[in-house]
Amino acid sequence: MAARAAGLQVPAFRSPPRRIGVVRSIRRLAGGTIVAVRLQGRSVVDIELDMVDGVIAANQLIGEAAERMRSTLLAALADAMGEAAA
């Protein structure tokens, strides 16, 4: 929701990546972007970071814009996780 609110394209997510040996991959298609993230054997924090970085990569953000959006998305995720625990 935070990515949409910021006007970003939200990629589709799937698991696991098709390529063996990678923890995250990205495929750009005519209809959108697919980010694949390996879940098995990884910490929740690493998975969340890969998903956030997938949104940033899908929107081709770099530099300051990427850092601002990473902070915004991680804060939104932390807020959502806090609400889920309550």
C-alpha atoms as a PDB file:
ATOM      1  CA  MET A   1       0.000   0.000   0.000  1.00  0.00           C
ATOM      2  CA  ALA A   2       2.887   2.354   0.776  1.00  0.00           C
ATOM      3  CA  ALA A   3       4.397   1.817  -2.672  1.00  0.00           C
ATOM      4  CA  ARG A   4       1.075   2.557  -4.383  1.00  0.00           C
ATOM      5  CA  ALA A   5       0.561   5.620  -2.176  1.00  0.00           C
ATOM      6  CA  ALA A   6       3.949   6.891  -3.357  1.00  0.00           C
ATOM      7  CA  GLY A   7       2.864   6.458  -6.986  1.00  0.00           C
ATOM      8  CA  LEU A   8       5.128   3.480  -7.633  1.00  0.00           C
ATOM      9  CA  GLN A   9       4.442   0.409  -9.721  1.00  0.00           C
ATOM     10  CA  VAL A  10       4.013  -2.588  -7.466  1.00  0.00           C
ATOM     11  CA  PRO A  11       5.604  -5.704  -8.939  1.00  0.00           C
ATOM     12  CA  ALA A  12       4.147  -9.172  -8.669  1.00  0.00           C
ATOM     13  CA  PHE A  13       6.007 -11.356  -6.192  1.00  0.00           C
ATOM     14  CA  ARG A  14       6.642 -15.073  -6.392  1.00  0.00           C
ATOM     15  CA  SER A  15       8.787 -17.666  -4.703  1.00  0.00           C
ATOM     16  CA  PRO A  16      11.207 -19.230  -5.309  1.00  0.00           C
ATOM     17  CA  PRO A  17      13.250 -17.632  -8.096  1.00  0.00           C
ATOM     18  CA  ARG A  18      13.498 -19.773 -11.231  1.00  0.00           C
ATOM     19  CA  ARG A  19      17.288 -19.428 -11.334  1.00  0.00           C
ATOM     20  CA  ILE A  20      19.025 -21.873  -9.063  1.00  0.00           C
ATOM     21  CA  GLY A  21      21.419 -20.370  -6.538  1.00  0.00           C
ATOM     22  CA  VAL A  22      19.950 -16.852  -6.380  1.00  0.00           C
ATOM     23  CA  VAL A  23      17.970 -15.370  -3.493  1.00  0.00           C
ATOM     24  CA  ARG A  24      16.213 -12.692  -5.558  1.00  0.00           C
ATOM     25  CA  SER A  25      15.576 -12.142  -9.249  1.00  0.00           C
ATOM     26  CA  ILE A  26      13.616  -9.666 -11.322  1.00  0.00           C
ATOM     27  CA  ARG A  27      11.877 -10.152 -14.660  1.00  0.00           C
ATOM     28  CA  ARG A  28      10.545  -7.237 -16.674  1.00  0.00           C
ATOM     29  CA  LEU A  29       7.609  -8.107 -18.897  1.00  0.00           C
ATOM     30  CA  ALA A  30       5.357  -6.034 -21.123  1.00  0.00           C
ATOM     31  CA  GLY A  31       2.560  -6.220 -18.540  1.00  0.00           C
ATOM     32  CA  GLY A  32       4.676  -5.505 -15.470  1.00  0.00           C
ATOM     33  CA  THR A  33       7.526  -6.751 -13.342  1.00  0.00           C
ATOM     34  CA  ILE A  34       7.916  -9.977 -11.388  1.00  0.00           C
ATOM     35  CA  VAL A  35      10.213 -10.138  -8.381  1.00  0.00           C
ATOM     36  CA  ALA A  36      11.032 -13.634  -7.155  1.00  0.00           C
ATOM     37  CA  VAL A  37      12.390 -14.053  -3.639  1.00  0.00           C
ATOM     38  CA  ARG A  38      13.666 -17.225  -1.974  1.00  0.00           C
ATOM     39  CA  LEU A  39      11.922 -17.749   1.375  1.00  0.00           C
ATOM     40  CA  GLN A  40      13.268 -21.071   2.546  1.00  0.00           C
ATOM     41  CA  GLY A  41      16.184 -20.980   4.965  1.00  0.00           C
ATOM     42  CA  ARG A  42      16.228 -17.175   5.226  1.00  0.00           C
ATOM     43  CA  SER A  43      15.356 -14.710   7.969  1.00  0.00           C
ATOM     44  CA  VAL A  44      12.184 -12.661   7.783  1.00  0.00           C
ATOM     45  CA  VAL A  45      14.288  -9.485   7.802  1.00  0.00           C
ATOM     46  CA  ASP A  46      16.307 -10.616   4.752  1.00  0.00           C
ATOM     47  CA  ILE A  47      13.103 -11.524   2.889  1.00  0.00           C
ATOM     48  CA  GLU A  48      11.533  -8.149   3.702  1.00  0.00           C
ATOM     49  CA  LEU A  49      14.657  -6.294   2.557  1.00  0.00           C
ATOM     50  CA  ASP A  50      14.644  -8.223  -0.722  1.00  0.00           C
ATOM     51  CA  MET A  51      10.995  -7.362  -1.303  1.00  0.00           C
ATOM     52  CA  VAL A  52      11.603  -3.660  -0.634  1.00  0.00           C
ATOM     53  CA  ASP A  53      14.644  -3.694  -2.913  1.00  0.00           C
ATOM     54  CA  GLY A  54      12.507  -5.457  -5.534  1.00  0.00           C
ATOM     55  CA  VAL A  55      10.022  -2.556  -5.511  1.00  0.00           C
ATOM     56  CA  ILE A  56      12.905  -0.093  -5.850  1.00  0.00           C
ATOM     57  CA  ALA A  57      14.456  -2.059  -8.719  1.00  0.00           C
ATOM     58  CA  ALA A  58      11.100  -2.497 -10.478  1.00  0.00           C
ATOM     59  CA  ASN A  59      10.679   1.282 -10.459  1.00  0.00           C
ATOM     60  CA  GLN A  60      14.299   1.871 -11.476  1.00  0.00           C
ATOM     61  CA  LEU A  61      14.946   4.201  -8.561  1.00  0.00           C
ATOM     62  CA  ILE A  62      18.561   5.143  -7.880  1.00  0.00           C
ATOM     63  CA  GLY A  63      20.550   7.340  -5.517  1.00  0.00           C
ATOM     64  CA  GLU A  64      18.720   9.636  -3.138  1.00  0.00           C
ATOM     65  CA  ALA A  65      15.271   8.686  -4.487  1.00  0.00           C
ATOM     66  CA  ALA A  66      15.981   4.994  -3.872  1.00  0.00           C
ATOM     67  CA  GLU A  67      17.221   5.649  -0.328  1.00  0.00           C
ATOM     68  CA  ARG A  68      14.200   7.800   0.547  1.00  0.00           C
ATOM     69  CA  MET A  69      11.806   5.188  -0.807  1.00  0.00           C
ATOM     70  CA  ARG A  70      13.664   2.352   0.970  1.00  0.00           C
ATOM     71  CA  SER A  71      13.257   4.234   4.269  1.00  0.00           C
ATOM     72  CA  THR A  72       9.582   4.939   3.559  1.00  0.00           C
ATOM     73  CA  LEU A  73       8.801   1.326   2.649  1.00  0.00           C
ATOM     74  CA  LEU A  74      10.725  -0.132   5.595  1.00  0.00           C
ATOM     75  CA  ALA A  75       8.925   2.234   7.985  1.00  0.00           C
ATOM     76  CA  ALA A  76       5.547   1.247   6.512  1.00  0.00           C
ATOM     77  CA  LEU A  77       6.477  -2.406   6.859  1.00  0.00           C
ATOM     78  CA  ALA A  78       7.544  -1.918  10.490  1.00  0.00           C
ATOM     79  CA  ASP A  79       4.259  -0.138  11.221  1.00  0.00           C
ATOM     80  CA  ALA A  80       2.267  -2.937   9.591  1.00  0.00           C
ATOM     81  CA  MET A  81       4.162  -5.591  11.530  1.00  0.00           C
ATOM     82  CA  GLY A  82       3.566  -3.684  14.767  1.00  0.00           C
ATOM     83  CA  GLU A  83      -0.163  -3.560  14.067  1.00  0.00           C
ATOM     84  CA  ALA A  84      -0.196  -7.278  13.241  1.00  0.00           C
ATOM     85  CA  ALA A  85       1.414  -8.085  16.591  1.00  0.00           C
ATOM     86  CA  ALA A  86      -1.119  -5.994  18.530  1.00  0.00           C
END
